């Protein structure tokens, strides 16, 4: 009889089950193609009914993404954050964000509701 189930251990941190899949920074079940197009979503799920503009598919990470997020937040007059490889802006600002990204030379697509 094989007893592989770990009951308690103080080393190793969290123990993931064998069938657990890694979580992604994207919405569950949505896989974006890597085609160089920046997609702008309007999401409401999991935010207490508040609308958030989510920008995915931007190249770069870290300070470059944070700088672009700051520019977009300033342009929209709203708060926001960078989560993983996505920028979230509070409120529905898809048109303003799309116009600003087009000015910067990105190919933009409005996606979602």
PDB file of N, CA and C in Angstrom:
ATOM      1  N   UNK A   1       0.840  -1.173   0.000  1.00  0.00           N
ATOM      2  CA  UNK A   1       0.000   0.000   0.000  1.00  0.00           C
ATOM      3  C   UNK A   1       0.885   1.236   0.000  1.00  0.00           C
ATOM      4  N   UNK A   2       0.631   2.127  -0.942  1.00  0.00           N
ATOM      5  CA  UNK A   2       1.427   3.338  -1.085  1.00  0.00           C
ATOM      6  C   UNK A   2       0.690   4.514  -0.468  1.00  0.00           C
ATOM      7  N   UNK A   3       1.336   5.157   0.482  1.00  0.00           N
ATOM      8  CA  UNK A   3       0.727   6.312   1.136  1.00  0.00           C
ATOM      9  C   UNK A   3       1.521   7.541   0.727  1.00  0.00           C
ATOM     10  N   UNK A   4       1.121   8.204  -0.365  1.00  0.00           N
ATOM     11  CA  UNK A   4       1.866   9.343  -0.903  1.00  0.00           C
ATOM     12  C   UNK A   4       1.281  10.669  -0.460  1.00  0.00           C
ATOM     13  N   UNK A   5       0.172  10.666   0.208  1.00  0.00           N
ATOM     14  CA  UNK A   5      -0.490  11.894   0.593  1.00  0.00           C
ATOM     15  C   UNK A   5       0.220  12.524   1.788  1.00  0.00           C
ATOM     16  N   UNK A   6       0.709  13.747   1.607  1.00  0.00           N
ATOM     17  CA  UNK A   6       1.409  14.468   2.659  1.00  0.00           C
ATOM     18  C   UNK A   6       0.395  15.059   3.614  1.00  0.00           C
ATOM     19  N   UNK A   7       0.560  14.788   4.894  1.00  0.00           N
ATOM     20  CA  UNK A   7      -0.362  15.300   5.890  1.00  0.00           C
ATOM     21  C   UNK A   7       0.158  16.595   6.473  1.00  0.00           C
ATOM     22  N   UNK A   8       1.432  16.638   6.870  1.00  0.00           N
ATOM     23  CA  UNK A   8       1.989  17.847   7.450  1.00  0.00           C
ATOM     24  C   UNK A   8       3.497  17.846   7.262  1.00  0.00           C
ATOM     25  N   UNK A   9       4.019  19.014   6.924  1.00  0.00           N
ATOM     26  CA  UNK A   9       5.457  19.163   6.802  1.00  0.00           C
ATOM     27  C   UNK A   9       5.812  20.613   7.069  1.00  0.00           C
ATOM     28  N   UNK A  10       6.968  20.852   7.688  1.00  0.00           N
ATOM     29  CA  UNK A  10       7.391  22.226   7.967  1.00  0.00           C
ATOM     30  C   UNK A  10       8.330  22.773   6.907  1.00  0.00           C
ATOM     31  N   UNK A  11       8.803  21.938   6.015  1.00  0.00           N
ATOM     32  CA  UNK A  11       9.698  22.428   4.970  1.00  0.00           C
ATOM     33  C   UNK A  11       9.031  22.304   3.607  1.00  0.00           C
ATOM     34  N   UNK A  12       9.406  23.169   2.705  1.00  0.00           N
ATOM     35  CA  UNK A  12       8.896  23.104   1.344  1.00  0.00           C
ATOM     36  C   UNK A  12       7.743  24.035   1.054  1.00  0.00           C
ATOM     37  N   UNK A  13       7.257  24.751   2.036  1.00  0.00           N
ATOM     38  CA  UNK A  13       6.166  25.686   1.769  1.00  0.00           C
ATOM     39  C   UNK A  13       4.889  24.974   1.377  1.00  0.00           C
ATOM     40  N   UNK A  14       4.120  25.585   0.507  1.00  0.00           N
ATOM     41  CA  UNK A  14       2.864  24.986   0.057  1.00  0.00           C
ATOM     42  C   UNK A  14       3.145  23.785  -0.834  1.00  0.00           C
ATOM     43  N   UNK A  15       2.347  22.770  -0.692  1.00  0.00           N
ATOM     44  CA  UNK A  15       2.492  21.567  -1.487  1.00  0.00           C
ATOM     45  C   UNK A  15       1.333  21.529  -2.471  1.00  0.00           C
ATOM     46  N   UNK A  16       1.641  21.538  -3.761  1.00  0.00           N
ATOM     47  CA  UNK A  16       0.611  21.508  -4.794  1.00  0.00           C
ATOM     48  C   UNK A  16       0.237  20.076  -5.092  1.00  0.00           C
ATOM     49  N   UNK A  17      -1.035  19.838  -5.333  1.00  0.00           N
ATOM     50  CA  UNK A  17      -1.456  18.496  -5.704  1.00  0.00           C
ATOM     51  C   UNK A  17      -1.011  18.207  -7.137  1.00  0.00           C
ATOM     52  N   UNK A  18      -0.992  16.938  -7.484  1.00  0.00           N
ATOM     53  CA  UNK A  18      -0.492  16.538  -8.799  1.00  0.00           C
ATOM     54  C   UNK A  18      -1.380  17.027  -9.929  1.00  0.00           C
ATOM     55  N   UNK A  19      -2.689  17.178  -9.681  1.00  0.00           N
ATOM     56  CA  UNK A  19      -3.597  17.589 -10.731  1.00  0.00           C
ATOM     57  C   UNK A  19      -3.796  19.097 -10.788  1.00  0.00           C
ATOM     58  N   UNK A  20      -3.144  19.841  -9.923  1.00  0.00           N
ATOM     59  CA  UNK A  20      -3.292  21.301  -9.921  1.00  0.00           C
ATOM     60  C   UNK A  20      -2.525  21.903 -11.095  1.00  0.00           C
ATOM     61  N   UNK A  21      -3.170  22.818 -11.767  1.00  0.00           N
ATOM     62  CA  UNK A  21      -2.516  23.486 -12.883  1.00  0.00           C
ATOM     63  C   UNK A  21      -2.047  24.856 -12.438  1.00  0.00           C
ATOM     64  N   UNK A  22      -0.990  25.374 -13.038  1.00  0.00           N
ATOM     65  CA  UNK A  22      -0.518  26.693 -12.637  1.00  0.00           C
ATOM     66  C   UNK A  22      -1.534  27.758 -13.010  1.00  0.00           C
ATOM     67  N   UNK A  23      -1.641  28.752 -12.139  1.00  0.00           N
ATOM     68  CA  UNK A  23      -2.565  29.853 -12.404  1.00  0.00           C
ATOM     69  C   UNK A  23      -1.910  30.850 -13.327  1.00  0.00           C
ATOM     70  N   UNK A  24      -2.714  31.443 -14.178  1.00  0.00           N
ATOM     71  CA  UNK A  24      -2.187  32.466 -15.071  1.00  0.00           C
ATOM     72  C   UNK A  24      -2.755  33.805 -14.676  1.00  0.00           C
ATOM     73  N   UNK A  25      -2.142  34.879 -15.190  1.00  0.00           N
ATOM     74  CA  UNK A  25      -2.609  36.219 -14.878  1.00  0.00           C
ATOM     75  C   UNK A  25      -3.794  36.607 -15.741  1.00  0.00           C
ATOM     76  N   UNK A  26      -4.160  35.750 -16.668  1.00  0.00           N
ATOM     77  CA  UNK A  26      -5.270  36.040 -17.560  1.00  0.00           C
ATOM     78  C   UNK A  26      -6.555  35.470 -16.983  1.00  0.00           C
ATOM     79  N   UNK A  27      -7.641  35.904 -17.521  1.00  0.00           N
ATOM     80  CA  UNK A  27      -8.944  35.426 -17.131  1.00  0.00           C
ATOM     81  C   UNK A  27      -9.011  33.918 -17.360  1.00  0.00           C
ATOM     82  N   UNK A  28      -9.641  33.185 -16.457  1.00  0.00           N
ATOM     83  CA  UNK A  28      -9.687  31.728 -16.538  1.00  0.00           C
ATOM     84  C   UNK A  28     -10.311  31.265 -17.847  1.00  0.00           C
ATOM     85  N   UNK A  29      -9.647  30.367 -18.520  1.00  0.00           N
ATOM     86  CA  UNK A  29     -10.169  29.794 -19.738  1.00  0.00           C
ATOM     87  C   UNK A  29      -9.887  30.602 -20.991  1.00  0.00           C
ATOM     88  N   UNK A  30      -9.277  31.758 -20.864  1.00  0.00           N
ATOM     89  CA  UNK A  30      -9.019  32.605 -22.026  1.00  0.00           C
ATOM     90  C   UNK A  30      -7.536  32.548 -22.358  1.00  0.00           C
ATOM     91  N   UNK A  31      -7.224  32.080 -23.531  1.00  0.00           N
ATOM     92  CA  UNK A  31      -5.844  32.062 -24.003  1.00  0.00           C
ATOM     93  C   UNK A  31      -5.728  33.060 -25.143  1.00  0.00           C
ATOM     94  N   UNK A  32      -4.898  34.064 -24.965  1.00  0.00           N
ATOM     95  CA  UNK A  32      -4.717  35.071 -25.997  1.00  0.00           C
ATOM     96  C   UNK A  32      -3.653  34.623 -26.981  1.00  0.00           C
ATOM     97  N   UNK A  33      -3.891  34.831 -28.254  1.00  0.00           N
ATOM     98  CA  UNK A  33      -2.857  34.494 -29.232  1.00  0.00           C
ATOM     99  C   UNK A  33      -1.689  35.463 -29.132  1.00  0.00           C
ATOM    100  N   UNK A  34      -0.525  34.992 -29.462  1.00  0.00           N
ATOM    101  CA  UNK A  34       0.671  35.832 -29.424  1.00  0.00           C
ATOM    102  C   UNK A  34       0.887  36.402 -30.822  1.00  0.00           C
ATOM    103  N   UNK A  35       0.035  37.351 -31.204  1.00  0.00           N
ATOM    104  CA  UNK A  35       0.088  37.904 -32.549  1.00  0.00           C
ATOM    105  C   UNK A  35       0.492  39.366 -32.591  1.00  0.00           C
ATOM    106  N   UNK A  36       0.885  39.931 -31.460  1.00  0.00           N
ATOM    107  CA  UNK A  36       1.335  41.315 -31.427  1.00  0.00           C
ATOM    108  C   UNK A  36       0.219  42.333 -31.329  1.00  0.00           C
ATOM    109  N   UNK A  37      -1.023  41.876 -31.161  1.00  0.00           N
ATOM    110  CA  UNK A  37      -2.159  42.780 -31.041  1.00  0.00           C
ATOM    111  C   UNK A  37      -2.454  43.001 -29.557  1.00  0.00           C
ATOM    112  N   UNK A  38      -2.614  44.270 -29.181  1.00  0.00           N
ATOM    113  CA  UNK A  38      -2.972  44.616 -27.810  1.00  0.00           C
ATOM    114  C   UNK A  38      -4.485  44.556 -27.715  1.00  0.00           C
ATOM    115  N   UNK A  39      -4.992  43.786 -26.746  1.00  0.00           N
ATOM    116  CA  UNK A  39      -6.434  43.637 -26.586  1.00  0.00           C
ATOM    117  C   UNK A  39      -6.891  44.366 -25.331  1.00  0.00           C
ATOM    118  N   UNK A  40      -7.994  45.103 -25.473  1.00  0.00           N
ATOM    119  CA  UNK A  40      -8.526  45.895 -24.374  1.00  0.00           C
ATOM    120  C   UNK A  40      -9.889  45.329 -24.004  1.00  0.00           C
ATOM    121  N   UNK A  41     -10.019  44.866 -22.750  1.00  0.00           N
ATOM    122  CA  UNK A  41     -11.232  44.240 -22.253  1.00  0.00           C
ATOM    123  C   UNK A  41     -11.927  45.160 -21.257  1.00  0.00           C
ATOM    124  N   UNK A  42     -13.238  44.991 -21.126  1.00  0.00           N
ATOM    125  CA  UNK A  42     -13.992  45.604 -20.042  1.00  0.00           C
ATOM    126  C   UNK A  42     -14.488  44.457 -19.186  1.00  0.00           C
ATOM    127  N   UNK A  43     -14.046  44.420 -17.920  1.00  0.00           N
ATOM    128  CA  UNK A  43     -14.413  43.316 -17.038  1.00  0.00           C
ATOM    129  C   UNK A  43     -15.107  43.843 -15.791  1.00  0.00           C
ATOM    130  N   UNK A  44     -15.971  43.005 -15.248  1.00  0.00           N
ATOM    131  CA  UNK A  44     -16.702  43.356 -14.048  1.00  0.00           C
ATOM    132  C   UNK A  44     -16.638  42.226 -13.017  1.00  0.00           C
ATOM    133  N   UNK A  45     -16.347  41.025 -13.452  1.00  0.00           N
ATOM    134  CA  UNK A  45     -16.390  39.847 -12.589  1.00  0.00           C
ATOM    135  C   UNK A  45     -15.368  39.920 -11.463  1.00  0.00           C
ATOM    136  N   UNK A  46     -15.804  39.583 -10.256  1.00  0.00           N
ATOM    137  CA  UNK A  46     -14.916  39.504  -9.109  1.00  0.00           C
ATOM    138  C   UNK A  46     -14.488  40.845  -8.544  1.00  0.00           C
ATOM    139  N   UNK A  47     -15.179  41.910  -8.934  1.00  0.00           N
ATOM    140  CA  UNK A  47     -14.788  43.243  -8.464  1.00  0.00           C
ATOM    141  C   UNK A  47     -15.955  43.978  -7.814  1.00  0.00           C
ATOM    142  N   UNK A  48     -16.908  43.245  -7.306  1.00  0.00           N
ATOM    143  CA  UNK A  48     -18.034  43.849  -6.623  1.00  0.00           C
ATOM    144  C   UNK A  48     -18.913  44.686  -7.535  1.00  0.00           C
ATOM    145  N   UNK A  49     -19.005  44.347  -8.806  1.00  0.00           N
ATOM    146  CA  UNK A  49     -19.837  45.075  -9.743  1.00  0.00           C
ATOM    147  C   UNK A  49     -19.169  46.275 -10.377  1.00  0.00           C
ATOM    148  N   UNK A  50     -17.960  46.587  -9.974  1.00  0.00           N
ATOM    149  CA  UNK A  50     -17.239  47.731 -10.539  1.00  0.00           C
ATOM    150  C   UNK A  50     -16.620  47.348 -11.880  1.00  0.00           C
ATOM    151  N   UNK A  51     -16.641  48.278 -12.821  1.00  0.00           N
ATOM    152  CA  UNK A  51     -16.094  48.032 -14.157  1.00  0.00           C
ATOM    153  C   UNK A  51     -14.613  48.397 -14.169  1.00  0.00           C
ATOM    154  N   UNK A  52     -13.819  47.555 -14.811  1.00  0.00           N
ATOM    155  CA  UNK A  52     -12.381  47.762 -14.932  1.00  0.00           C
ATOM    156  C   UNK A  52     -11.983  47.545 -16.385  1.00  0.00           C
ATOM    157  N   UNK A  53     -11.128  48.417 -16.911  1.00  0.00           N
ATOM    158  CA  UNK A  53     -10.567  48.251 -18.244  1.00  0.00           C
ATOM    159  C   UNK A  53      -9.257  47.490 -18.105  1.00  0.00           C
ATOM    160  N   UNK A  54      -9.146  46.361 -18.798  1.00  0.00           N
ATOM    161  CA  UNK A  54      -7.960  45.511 -18.699  1.00  0.00           C
ATOM    162  C   UNK A  54      -7.258  45.489 -20.054  1.00  0.00           C
ATOM    163  N   UNK A  55      -5.960  45.799 -20.048  1.00  0.00           N
ATOM    164  CA  UNK A  55      -5.160  45.823 -21.274  1.00  0.00           C
ATOM    165  C   UNK A  55      -4.198  44.646 -21.229  1.00  0.00           C
ATOM    166  N   UNK A  56      -4.309  43.731 -22.204  1.00  0.00           N
ATOM    167  CA  UNK A  56      -3.434  42.556 -22.262  1.00  0.00           C
ATOM    168  C   UNK A  56      -2.743  42.503 -23.615  1.00  0.00           C
ATOM    169  N   UNK A  57      -1.594  41.843 -23.639  1.00  0.00           N
ATOM    170  CA  UNK A  57      -0.875  41.648 -24.893  1.00  0.00           C
ATOM    171  C   UNK A  57       0.183  42.703 -25.145  1.00  0.00           C
ATOM    172  N   UNK A  58       0.495  43.499 -24.139  1.00  0.00           N
ATOM    173  CA  UNK A  58       1.534  44.516 -24.302  1.00  0.00           C
ATOM    174  C   UNK A  58       2.913  43.886 -24.203  1.00  0.00           C
ATOM    175  N   UNK A  59       3.832  44.303 -25.048  1.00  0.00           N
ATOM    176  CA  UNK A  59       5.200  43.796 -24.922  1.00  0.00           C
ATOM    177  C   UNK A  59       5.885  44.462 -23.731  1.00  0.00           C
ATOM    178  N   UNK A  60       6.857  43.798 -23.181  1.00  0.00           N
ATOM    179  CA  UNK A  60       7.618  44.359 -22.072  1.00  0.00           C
ATOM    180  C   UNK A  60       7.041  43.959 -20.730  1.00  0.00           C
ATOM    181  N   UNK A  61       7.858  44.175 -19.700  1.00  0.00           N
ATOM    182  CA  UNK A  61       7.464  43.854 -18.336  1.00  0.00           C
ATOM    183  C   UNK A  61       8.146  44.825 -17.390  1.00  0.00           C
ATOM    184  N   UNK A  62       7.767  44.776 -16.137  1.00  0.00           N
ATOM    185  CA  UNK A  62       8.420  45.559 -15.099  1.00  0.00           C
ATOM    186  C   UNK A  62       8.247  47.050 -15.258  1.00  0.00           C
ATOM    187  N   UNK A  63       9.368  47.795 -15.214  1.00  0.00           N
ATOM    188  CA  UNK A  63       9.296  49.260 -15.238  1.00  0.00           C
ATOM    189  C   UNK A  63       8.688  49.830 -16.513  1.00  0.00           C
ATOM    190  N   UNK A  64       8.904  49.191 -17.652  1.00  0.00           N
ATOM    191  CA  UNK A  64       8.324  49.688 -18.902  1.00  0.00           C
ATOM    192  C   UNK A  64       6.801  49.599 -18.863  1.00  0.00           C
ATOM    193  N   UNK A  65       6.282  48.490 -18.352  1.00  0.00           N
ATOM    194  CA  UNK A  65       4.840  48.320 -18.239  1.00  0.00           C
ATOM    195  C   UNK A  65       4.268  49.261 -17.188  1.00  0.00           C
ATOM    196  N   UNK A  66       4.988  49.462 -16.098  1.00  0.00           N
ATOM    197  CA  UNK A  66       4.535  50.381 -15.054  1.00  0.00           C
ATOM    198  C   UNK A  66       4.515  51.824 -15.561  1.00  0.00           C
ATOM    199  N   UNK A  67       5.481  52.198 -16.378  1.00  0.00           N
ATOM    200  CA  UNK A  67       5.504  53.541 -16.949  1.00  0.00           C
ATOM    201  C   UNK A  67       4.331  53.779 -17.883  1.00  0.00           C
ATOM    202  N   UNK A  68       4.024  52.784 -18.718  1.00  0.00           N
ATOM    203  CA  UNK A  68       2.885  52.890 -19.618  1.00  0.00           C
ATOM    204  C   UNK A  68       1.580  52.932 -18.826  1.00  0.00           C
ATOM    205  N   UNK A  69       1.504  52.152 -17.757  1.00  0.00           N
ATOM    206  CA  UNK A  69       0.304  52.162 -16.915  1.00  0.00           C
ATOM    207  C   UNK A  69       0.105  53.539 -16.292  1.00  0.00           C
ATOM    208  N   UNK A  70       1.184  54.164 -15.835  1.00  0.00           N
ATOM    209  CA  UNK A  70       1.088  55.503 -15.271  1.00  0.00           C
ATOM    210  C   UNK A  70       0.593  56.518 -16.287  1.00  0.00           C
ATOM    211  N   UNK A  71       1.081  56.410 -17.510  1.00  0.00           N
ATOM    212  CA  UNK A  71       0.640  57.306 -18.576  1.00  0.00           C
ATOM    213  C   UNK A  71      -0.849  57.117 -18.866  1.00  0.00           C
ATOM    214  N   UNK A  72      -1.296  55.866 -18.935  1.00  0.00           N
ATOM    215  CA  UNK A  72      -2.706  55.589 -19.219  1.00  0.00           C
ATOM    216  C   UNK A  72      -3.608  56.044 -18.072  1.00  0.00           C
ATOM    217  N   UNK A  73      -3.175  55.827 -16.833  1.00  0.00           N
ATOM    218  CA  UNK A  73      -3.963  56.276 -15.683  1.00  0.00           C
ATOM    219  C   UNK A  73      -4.092  57.789 -15.681  1.00  0.00           C
ATOM    220  N   UNK A  74      -3.003  58.488 -15.988  1.00  0.00           N
ATOM    221  CA  UNK A  74      -3.025  59.947 -16.046  1.00  0.00           C
ATOM    222  C   UNK A  74      -3.957  60.425 -17.149  1.00  0.00           C
ATOM    223  N   UNK A  75      -3.901  59.777 -18.305  1.00  0.00           N
ATOM    224  CA  UNK A  75      -4.733  60.153 -19.446  1.00  0.00           C
ATOM    225  C   UNK A  75      -6.220  59.952 -19.139  1.00  0.00           C
ATOM    226  N   UNK A  76      -6.545  58.881 -18.385  1.00  0.00           N
ATOM    227  CA  UNK A  76      -7.941  58.578 -18.081  1.00  0.00           C
ATOM    228  C   UNK A  76      -8.436  59.277 -16.815  1.00  0.00           C
ATOM    229  N   UNK A  77      -7.526  59.783 -15.998  1.00  0.00           N
ATOM    230  CA  UNK A  77      -7.919  60.409 -14.744  1.00  0.00           C
ATOM    231  C   UNK A  77      -8.484  59.402 -13.766  1.00  0.00           C
ATOM    232  N   UNK A  78      -7.894  58.220 -13.744  1.00  0.00           N
ATOM    233  CA  UNK A  78      -8.399  57.139 -12.904  1.00  0.00           C
ATOM    234  C   UNK A  78      -7.236  56.381 -12.280  1.00  0.00           C
ATOM    235  N   UNK A  79      -7.544  55.575 -11.295  1.00  0.00           N
ATOM    236  CA  UNK A  79      -6.546  54.721 -10.671  1.00  0.00           C
ATOM    237  C   UNK A  79      -6.393  53.435 -11.447  1.00  0.00           C
ATOM    238  N   UNK A  80      -5.431  52.655 -11.044  1.00  0.00           N
ATOM    239  CA  UNK A  80      -5.214  51.376 -11.703  1.00  0.00           C
ATOM    240  C   UNK A  80      -3.975  50.701 -11.169  1.00  0.00           C
ATOM    241  N   UNK A  81      -3.637  49.571 -11.767  1.00  0.00           N
ATOM    242  CA  UNK A  81      -2.500  48.785 -11.312  1.00  0.00           C
ATOM    243  C   UNK A  81      -1.985  47.902 -12.442  1.00  0.00           C
ATOM    244  N   UNK A  82      -0.819  47.323 -12.213  1.00  0.00           N
ATOM    245  CA  UNK A  82      -0.252  46.318 -13.115  1.00  0.00           C
ATOM    246  C   UNK A  82      -0.320  44.984 -12.383  1.00  0.00           C
ATOM    247  N   UNK A  83      -0.993  44.018 -12.974  1.00  0.00           N
ATOM    248  CA  UNK A  83      -1.082  42.679 -12.389  1.00  0.00           C
ATOM    249  C   UNK A  83      -0.553  41.688 -13.406  1.00  0.00           C
ATOM    250  N   UNK A  84       0.605  41.124 -13.132  1.00  0.00           N
ATOM    251  CA  UNK A  84       1.221  40.176 -14.054  1.00  0.00           C
ATOM    252  C   UNK A  84       1.632  40.877 -15.334  1.00  0.00           C
ATOM    253  N   UNK A  85       1.054  40.462 -16.440  1.00  0.00           N
ATOM    254  CA  UNK A  85       1.360  41.079 -17.729  1.00  0.00           C
ATOM    255  C   UNK A  85       0.183  41.909 -18.242  1.00  0.00           C
ATOM    256  N   UNK A  86      -0.734  42.292 -17.335  1.00  0.00           N
ATOM    257  CA  UNK A  86      -1.903  43.077 -17.716  1.00  0.00           C
ATOM    258  C   UNK A  86      -1.942  44.383 -16.930  1.00  0.00           C
ATOM    259  N   UNK A  87      -2.503  45.409 -17.553  1.00  0.00           N
ATOM    260  CA  UNK A  87      -2.724  46.690 -16.889  1.00  0.00           C
ATOM    261  C   UNK A  87      -4.218  46.814 -16.638  1.00  0.00           C
ATOM    262  N   UNK A  88      -4.590  47.185 -15.409  1.00  0.00           N
ATOM    263  CA  UNK A  88      -5.990  47.391 -15.062  1.00  0.00           C
ATOM    264  C   UNK A  88      -6.201  48.864 -14.736  1.00  0.00           C
ATOM    265  N   UNK A  89      -7.197  49.468 -15.392  1.00  0.00           N
ATOM    266  CA  UNK A  89      -7.572  50.861 -15.159  1.00  0.00           C
ATOM    267  C   UNK A  89      -8.995  50.858 -14.614  1.00  0.00           C
ATOM    268  N   UNK A  90      -9.237  51.575 -13.522  1.00  0.00           N
ATOM    269  CA  UNK A  90     -10.563  51.613 -12.922  1.00  0.00           C
ATOM    270  C   UNK A  90     -11.532  52.386 -13.814  1.00  0.00           C
ATOM    271  N   UNK A  91     -12.677  51.773 -14.113  1.00  0.00           N
ATOM    272  CA  UNK A  91     -13.700  52.404 -14.944  1.00  0.00           C
ATOM    273  C   UNK A  91     -13.635  51.917 -16.379  1.00  0.00           C
ATOM    274  N   UNK A  92     -14.626  52.331 -17.167  1.00  0.00           N
ATOM    275  CA  UNK A  92     -14.692  51.942 -18.573  1.00  0.00           C
ATOM    276  C   UNK A  92     -14.042  53.037 -19.418  1.00  0.00           C
ATOM    277  N   UNK A  93     -12.775  52.847 -19.765  1.00  0.00           N
ATOM    278  CA  UNK A  93     -12.001  53.825 -20.530  1.00  0.00           C
ATOM    279  C   UNK A  93     -11.423  53.198 -21.790  1.00  0.00           C
ATOM    280  N   UNK A  94     -12.137  52.252 -22.381  1.00  0.00           N
ATOM    281  CA  UNK A  94     -11.581  51.518 -23.522  1.00  0.00           C
ATOM    282  C   UNK A  94     -11.254  52.424 -24.695  1.00  0.00           C
ATOM    283  N   UNK A  95     -12.109  53.359 -25.003  1.00  0.00           N
ATOM    284  CA  UNK A  95     -11.874  54.231 -26.163  1.00  0.00           C
ATOM    285  C   UNK A  95     -10.666  55.140 -25.951  1.00  0.00           C
ATOM    286  N   UNK A  96     -10.541  55.722 -24.765  1.00  0.00           N
ATOM    287  CA  UNK A  96      -9.391  56.589 -24.468  1.00  0.00           C
ATOM    288  C   UNK A  96      -8.087  55.812 -24.496  1.00  0.00           C
ATOM    289  N   UNK A  97      -8.113  54.617 -23.891  1.00  0.00           N
ATOM    290  CA  UNK A  97      -6.906  53.787 -23.854  1.00  0.00           C
ATOM    291  C   UNK A  97      -6.517  53.362 -25.267  1.00  0.00           C
ATOM    292  N   UNK A  98      -7.509  52.967 -26.061  1.00  0.00           N
ATOM    293  CA  UNK A  98      -7.237  52.540 -27.436  1.00  0.00           C
ATOM    294  C   UNK A  98      -6.638  53.686 -28.245  1.00  0.00           C
ATOM    295  N   UNK A  99      -7.194  54.895 -28.089  1.00  0.00           N
ATOM    296  CA  UNK A  99      -6.666  56.047 -28.828  1.00  0.00           C
ATOM    297  C   UNK A  99      -5.221  56.338 -28.427  1.00  0.00           C
ATOM    298  N   UNK A 100      -4.919  56.281 -27.143  1.00  0.00           N
ATOM    299  CA  UNK A 100      -3.559  56.562 -26.680  1.00  0.00           C
ATOM    300  C   UNK A 100      -2.574  55.503 -27.168  1.00  0.00           C
ATOM    301  N   UNK A 101      -2.963  54.239 -27.133  1.00  0.00           N
ATOM    302  CA  UNK A 101      -2.067  53.176 -27.591  1.00  0.00           C
ATOM    303  C   UNK A 101      -1.846  53.245 -29.098  1.00  0.00           C
ATOM    304  N   UNK A 102      -2.868  53.646 -29.844  1.00  0.00           N
ATOM    305  CA  UNK A 102      -2.691  53.819 -31.293  1.00  0.00           C
ATOM    306  C   UNK A 102      -1.723  54.956 -31.579  1.00  0.00           C
ATOM    307  N   UNK A 103      -1.789  56.048 -30.770  1.00  0.00           N
ATOM    308  CA  UNK A 103      -0.837  57.152 -30.913  1.00  0.00           C
ATOM    309  C   UNK A 103       0.596  56.670 -30.707  1.00  0.00           C
ATOM    310  N   UNK A 104       0.762  55.703 -29.798  1.00  0.00           N
ATOM    311  CA  UNK A 104       2.090  55.177 -29.495  1.00  0.00           C
ATOM    312  C   UNK A 104       2.548  54.120 -30.495  1.00  0.00           C
ATOM    313  N   UNK A 105       1.678  53.759 -31.462  1.00  0.00           N
ATOM    314  CA  UNK A 105       2.085  52.837 -32.511  1.00  0.00           C
ATOM    315  C   UNK A 105       1.690  51.393 -32.316  1.00  0.00           C
ATOM    316  N   UNK A 106       0.858  51.086 -31.343  1.00  0.00           N
ATOM    317  CA  UNK A 106       0.413  49.712 -31.116  1.00  0.00           C
ATOM    318  C   UNK A 106      -0.782  49.391 -32.005  1.00  0.00           C
ATOM    319  N   UNK A 107      -0.918  48.116 -32.352  1.00  0.00           N
ATOM    320  CA  UNK A 107      -2.124  47.619 -33.011  1.00  0.00           C
ATOM    321  C   UNK A 107      -3.096  47.223 -31.917  1.00  0.00           C
ATOM    322  N   UNK A 108      -4.281  47.835 -31.908  1.00  0.00           N
ATOM    323  CA  UNK A 108      -5.213  47.680 -30.801  1.00  0.00           C
ATOM    324  C   UNK A 108      -6.508  47.055 -31.279  1.00  0.00           C
ATOM    325  N   UNK A 109      -7.061  46.209 -30.426  1.00  0.00           N
ATOM    326  CA  UNK A 109      -8.349  45.566 -30.707  1.00  0.00           C
ATOM    327  C   UNK A 109      -9.198  45.637 -29.442  1.00  0.00           C
ATOM    328  N   UNK A 110     -10.444  46.135 -29.568  1.00  0.00           N
ATOM    329  CA  UNK A 110     -11.366  46.126 -28.435  1.00  0.00           C
ATOM    330  C   UNK A 110     -11.982  44.736 -28.350  1.00  0.00           C
ATOM    331  N   UNK A 111     -11.846  44.098 -27.210  1.00  0.00           N
ATOM    332  CA  UNK A 111     -12.316  42.729 -27.043  1.00  0.00           C
ATOM    333  C   UNK A 111     -13.253  42.659 -25.852  1.00  0.00           C
ATOM    334  N   UNK A 112     -14.086  41.661 -25.837  1.00  0.00           N
ATOM    335  CA  UNK A 112     -14.996  41.487 -24.717  1.00  0.00           C
ATOM    336  C   UNK A 112     -16.164  42.444 -24.765  1.00  0.00           C
ATOM    337  N   UNK A 113     -16.950  42.428 -23.659  1.00  0.00           N
ATOM    338  CA  UNK A 113     -18.173  43.220 -23.577  1.00  0.00           C
ATOM    339  C   UNK A 113     -17.896  44.620 -23.436  1.00  0.00           C
TER     340      UNK A 113
END
